Amino acid sequence: MSQLRTLIRRIIIILKHFFQTKVYGMHIHPTALISLKAQLDKTNPKGIYVGKKTVITGGVVVLTHNYVMGNGTFVDTKIGDNVFIGTGSIIMPGLTIGNNIIIGAGWLVIRQNLSEKTQILGSMGSSLFVFAQSDCLRLMTTLAVYSEQS
């Protein structure tokens, strides 16, 4: 039963990627992993760019339109290569997120042009933690070991 469920899920993911890239015109690299529960803006779908080996988890919202800037302002939102976006984060329209970036769960990303190798972890109400890449790799290894022990 588990294998059938996995097969059906993979088929749904392939179909979703087909619709996002071929029907809506989003620019999503084939190696990007996007949760079925992530919401990519369909108001301006051609303005979404997702790089290779990027992971967008459930509950993430990526916006490409901003009616505050004017009547029907459509902008491009670009997410680089090797980016991880945690659950429930919101990527505001017109942002460019560089390569090798980790965005923790629940963040409202409003900062333009996040540079490479930036890790944003913590909670919205607390301090912003930006780690060096070596510190982030140690943290992720520790979390992986901890989750295996649980």
C-alpha atoms as a PDB file:
ATOM      1  CA  MET A   1       0.000   0.000   0.000  1.00  0.00           C
ATOM      2  CA  SER A   2       2.862   2.338   0.851  1.00  0.00           C
ATOM      3  CA  GLN A   3       4.488   1.826  -2.551  1.00  0.00           C
ATOM      4  CA  LEU A   4       1.210   2.594  -4.337  1.00  0.00           C
ATOM      5  CA  ARG A   5       0.796   5.783  -2.319  1.00  0.00           C
ATOM      6  CA  THR A   6       4.370   6.838  -3.126  1.00  0.00           C
ATOM      7  CA  LEU A   7       3.806   6.161  -6.827  1.00  0.00           C
ATOM      8  CA  ILE A   8       0.579   8.188  -6.880  1.00  0.00           C
ATOM      9  CA  ARG A   9       2.299  11.071  -5.050  1.00  0.00           C
ATOM     10  CA  ARG A  10       5.171  11.096  -7.561  1.00  0.00           C
ATOM     11  CA  ILE A  11       2.716  11.154 -10.465  1.00  0.00           C
ATOM     12  CA  ILE A  12       0.854  14.097  -8.893  1.00  0.00           C
ATOM     13  CA  ILE A  13       4.134  15.980  -8.378  1.00  0.00           C
ATOM     14  CA  ILE A  14       5.137  15.394 -12.013  1.00  0.00           C
ATOM     15  CA  LEU A  15       1.736  16.603 -13.231  1.00  0.00           C
ATOM     16  CA  LYS A  16       1.908  19.681 -10.984  1.00  0.00           C
ATOM     17  CA  HIS A  17       5.380  20.536 -12.325  1.00  0.00           C
ATOM     18  CA  PHE A  18       4.067  20.111 -15.892  1.00  0.00           C
ATOM     19  CA  PHE A  19       1.167  22.495 -15.254  1.00  0.00           C
ATOM     20  CA  GLN A  20       3.359  25.037 -13.481  1.00  0.00           C
ATOM     21  CA  THR A  21       5.979  25.135 -16.241  1.00  0.00           C
ATOM     22  CA  LYS A  22       4.072  24.394 -19.446  1.00  0.00           C
ATOM     23  CA  VAL A  23       0.572  25.726 -18.744  1.00  0.00           C
ATOM     24  CA  TYR A  24       1.299  28.633 -16.368  1.00  0.00           C
ATOM     25  CA  GLY A  25       4.767  29.417 -17.751  1.00  0.00           C
ATOM     26  CA  MET A  26       6.662  29.398 -14.449  1.00  0.00           C
ATOM     27  CA  HIS A  27      10.423  28.977 -14.690  1.00  0.00           C
ATOM     28  CA  ILE A  28      11.073  26.035 -12.356  1.00  0.00           C
ATOM     29  CA  HIS A  29      14.182  23.887 -12.692  1.00  0.00           C
ATOM     30  CA  PRO A  30      13.388  20.149 -12.950  1.00  0.00           C
ATOM     31  CA  THR A  31      15.542  19.363  -9.871  1.00  0.00           C
ATOM     32  CA  ALA A  32      13.641  21.807  -7.626  1.00  0.00           C
ATOM     33  CA  LEU A  33      11.409  20.198  -5.007  1.00  0.00           C
ATOM     34  CA  ILE A  34       8.187  22.092  -4.350  1.00  0.00           C
ATOM     35  CA  SER A  35       5.665  20.877  -1.802  1.00  0.00           C
ATOM     36  CA  LEU A  36       2.152  20.162  -2.990  1.00  0.00           C
ATOM     37  CA  LYS A  37       0.997  22.606  -0.280  1.00  0.00           C
ATOM     38  CA  ALA A  38       3.237  25.495  -1.405  1.00  0.00           C
ATOM     39  CA  GLN A  39       1.409  28.379  -3.061  1.00  0.00           C
ATOM     40  CA  LEU A  40       3.069  29.955  -6.082  1.00  0.00           C
ATOM     41  CA  ASP A  41       1.354  33.133  -7.293  1.00  0.00           C
ATOM     42  CA  LYS A  42      -0.812  32.497 -10.345  1.00  0.00           C
ATOM     43  CA  THR A  43      -1.637  36.190 -10.853  1.00  0.00           C
ATOM     44  CA  ASN A  44       1.704  36.585 -12.645  1.00  0.00           C
ATOM     45  CA  PRO A  45       2.993  33.017 -13.015  1.00  0.00           C
ATOM     46  CA  LYS A  46       5.617  33.893 -15.637  1.00  0.00           C
ATOM     47  CA  GLY A  47       7.353  36.010 -12.992  1.00  0.00           C
ATOM     48  CA  ILE A  48       8.362  33.023 -10.842  1.00  0.00           C
ATOM     49  CA  TYR A  49      11.913  31.713 -11.223  1.00  0.00           C
ATOM     50  CA  VAL A  50      13.097  28.765  -9.098  1.00  0.00           C
ATOM     51  CA  GLY A  51      16.677  27.498  -9.416  1.00  0.00           C
ATOM     52  CA  LYS A  52      18.101  24.002  -9.348  1.00  0.00           C
ATOM     53  CA  LYS A  53      18.099  21.866  -6.194  1.00  0.00           C
ATOM     54  CA  THR A  54      15.863  24.363  -4.417  1.00  0.00           C
ATOM     55  CA  VAL A  55      13.419  23.082  -1.772  1.00  0.00           C
ATOM     56  CA  ILE A  56      10.165  24.933  -1.101  1.00  0.00           C
ATOM     57  CA  THR A  57       8.267  23.336   1.778  1.00  0.00           C
ATOM     58  CA  GLY A  58       4.554  23.288   2.617  1.00  0.00           C
ATOM     59  CA  GLY A  59       2.728  26.486   3.395  1.00  0.00           C
ATOM     60  CA  VAL A  60       5.251  28.709   1.607  1.00  0.00           C
ATOM     61  CA  VAL A  61       3.741  31.582  -0.385  1.00  0.00           C
ATOM     62  CA  VAL A  62       5.707  33.122  -3.284  1.00  0.00           C
ATOM     63  CA  LEU A  63       4.172  36.353  -4.599  1.00  0.00           C
ATOM     64  CA  THR A  64       4.740  38.072  -7.958  1.00  0.00           C
ATOM     65  CA  HIS A  65       2.173  40.881  -7.950  1.00  0.00           C
ATOM     66  CA  ASN A  66       1.859  44.038  -5.899  1.00  0.00           C
ATOM     67  CA  TYR A  67      -1.267  46.136  -6.281  1.00  0.00           C
ATOM     68  CA  VAL A  68       0.019  48.679  -3.744  1.00  0.00           C
ATOM     69  CA  MET A  69       2.684  49.835  -6.239  1.00  0.00           C
ATOM     70  CA  GLY A  70       0.065  50.612  -8.847  1.00  0.00           C
ATOM     71  CA  ASN A  71      -2.799  49.133 -10.768  1.00  0.00           C
ATOM     72  CA  GLY A  72      -1.769  45.566 -11.552  1.00  0.00           C
ATOM     73  CA  THR A  73       1.981  45.833 -11.007  1.00  0.00           C
ATOM     74  CA  PHE A  74       3.594  42.533 -11.939  1.00  0.00           C
ATOM     75  CA  VAL A  75       7.175  41.830 -10.927  1.00  0.00           C
ATOM     76  CA  ASP A  76       9.567  38.882 -11.095  1.00  0.00           C
ATOM     77  CA  THR A  77      10.426  36.926  -7.968  1.00  0.00           C
ATOM     78  CA  LYS A  78      13.639  34.943  -8.368  1.00  0.00           C
ATOM     79  CA  ILE A  79      14.837  32.150  -6.098  1.00  0.00           C
ATOM     80  CA  GLY A  80      18.390  30.938  -6.748  1.00  0.00           C
ATOM     81  CA  ASP A  81      20.045  27.524  -6.690  1.00  0.00           C
ATOM     82  CA  ASN A  82      20.366  25.346  -3.565  1.00  0.00           C
ATOM     83  CA  VAL A  83      17.858  27.373  -1.556  1.00  0.00           C
ATOM     84  CA  PHE A  84      15.765  25.948   1.291  1.00  0.00           C
ATOM     85  CA  ILE A  85      12.588  27.816   2.292  1.00  0.00           C
ATOM     86  CA  GLY A  86      10.986  26.639   5.536  1.00  0.00           C
ATOM     87  CA  THR A  87       7.329  25.965   6.211  1.00  0.00           C
ATOM     88  CA  GLY A  88       4.988  28.938   6.306  1.00  0.00           C
ATOM     89  CA  SER A  89       7.415  31.513   4.931  1.00  0.00           C
ATOM     90  CA  ILE A  90       6.187  34.286   2.648  1.00  0.00           C
ATOM     91  CA  ILE A  91       8.375  35.607  -0.162  1.00  0.00           C
ATOM     92  CA  MET A  92       7.232  39.098  -1.112  1.00  0.00           C
ATOM     93  CA  PRO A  93       7.020  40.149  -4.773  1.00  0.00           C
ATOM     94  CA  GLY A  94      10.011  41.407  -6.702  1.00  0.00           C
ATOM     95  CA  LEU A  95      12.693  39.824  -4.519  1.00  0.00           C
ATOM     96  CA  THR A  96      15.829  38.103  -5.723  1.00  0.00           C
ATOM     97  CA  ILE A  97      17.068  35.409  -3.377  1.00  0.00           C
ATOM     98  CA  GLY A  98      20.650  34.351  -4.146  1.00  0.00           C
ATOM     99  CA  ASN A  99      22.210  30.892  -4.184  1.00  0.00           C
ATOM    100  CA  ASN A 100      22.900  28.664  -1.152  1.00  0.00           C
ATOM    101  CA  ILE A 101      20.433  30.338   1.211  1.00  0.00           C
ATOM    102  CA  ILE A 102      18.445  28.782   4.037  1.00  0.00           C
ATOM    103  CA  ILE A 103      15.290  30.542   5.212  1.00  0.00           C
ATOM    104  CA  GLY A 104      13.806  29.130   8.405  1.00  0.00           C
ATOM    105  CA  ALA A 105      10.126  28.414   8.992  1.00  0.00           C
ATOM    106  CA  GLY A 106       7.618  31.241   9.263  1.00  0.00           C
ATOM    107  CA  TRP A 107       9.668  34.128   7.869  1.00  0.00           C
ATOM    108  CA  LEU A 108       8.228  37.078   5.990  1.00  0.00           C
ATOM    109  CA  VAL A 109      11.038  37.807   3.532  1.00  0.00           C
ATOM    110  CA  ILE A 110      10.999  41.468   2.535  1.00  0.00           C
ATOM    111  CA  ARG A 111      14.712  42.112   2.156  1.00  0.00           C
ATOM    112  CA  GLN A 112      15.797  42.647  -1.422  1.00  0.00           C
ATOM    113  CA  ASN A 113      18.662  40.649  -2.890  1.00  0.00           C
ATOM    114  CA  LEU A 114      19.719  38.216  -0.176  1.00  0.00           C
ATOM    115  CA  SER A 115      23.363  37.454  -0.852  1.00  0.00           C
ATOM    116  CA  GLU A 116      24.883  34.017  -1.268  1.00  0.00           C
ATOM    117  CA  LYS A 117      25.469  31.674   1.653  1.00  0.00           C
ATOM    118  CA  THR A 118      23.051  33.444   4.008  1.00  0.00           C
ATOM    119  CA  GLN A 119      21.068  31.472   6.561  1.00  0.00           C
ATOM    120  CA  ILE A 120      18.051  33.101   8.205  1.00  0.00           C
ATOM    121  CA  LEU A 121      16.888  31.162  11.248  1.00  0.00           C
ATOM    122  CA  GLY A 122      14.926  32.021  14.372  1.00  0.00           C
ATOM    123  CA  SER A 123      11.413  33.315  14.853  1.00  0.00           C
ATOM    124  CA  MET A 124       9.832  36.516  13.602  1.00  0.00           C
ATOM    125  CA  GLY A 125       9.528  37.970  17.106  1.00  0.00           C
ATOM    126  CA  SER A 126      13.115  37.265  18.133  1.00  0.00           C
ATOM    127  CA  SER A 127      16.551  38.144  16.889  1.00  0.00           C
ATOM    128  CA  LEU A 128      17.574  37.397  13.341  1.00  0.00           C
ATOM    129  CA  PHE A 129      20.342  34.842  13.219  1.00  0.00           C
ATOM    130  CA  VAL A 130      22.582  34.856  10.164  1.00  0.00           C
ATOM    131  CA  PHE A 131      25.085  32.007  10.208  1.00  0.00           C
ATOM    132  CA  ALA A 132      28.266  31.364   8.296  1.00  0.00           C
ATOM    133  CA  GLN A 133      27.984  28.382   5.966  1.00  0.00           C
ATOM    134  CA  SER A 134      30.246  26.184   8.137  1.00  0.00           C
ATOM    135  CA  ASP A 135      28.112  26.903  11.234  1.00  0.00           C
ATOM    136  CA  CYS A 136      24.955  26.104   9.296  1.00  0.00           C
ATOM    137  CA  LEU A 137      26.351  22.772   8.083  1.00  0.00           C
ATOM    138  CA  ARG A 138      27.225  21.839  11.681  1.00  0.00           C
ATOM    139  CA  LEU A 139      23.735  22.840  12.820  1.00  0.00           C
ATOM    140  CA  MET A 140      22.036  20.789  10.090  1.00  0.00           C
ATOM    141  CA  THR A 141      24.233  17.756  10.872  1.00  0.00           C
ATOM    142  CA  THR A 142      23.332  18.061  14.563  1.00  0.00           C
ATOM    143  CA  LEU A 143      19.627  18.294  13.729  1.00  0.00           C
ATOM    144  CA  ALA A 144      19.867  15.237  11.451  1.00  0.00           C
ATOM    145  CA  VAL A 145      21.560  13.199  14.194  1.00  0.00           C
ATOM    146  CA  TYR A 146      18.995  14.385  16.750  1.00  0.00           C
ATOM    147  CA  SER A 147      16.051  13.439  14.514  1.00  0.00           C
ATOM    148  CA  GLU A 148      17.524   9.967  13.940  1.00  0.00           C
ATOM    149  CA  GLN A 149      17.789   9.426  17.699  1.00  0.00           C
ATOM    150  CA  SER A 150      14.181  10.465  18.343  1.00  0.00           C
END
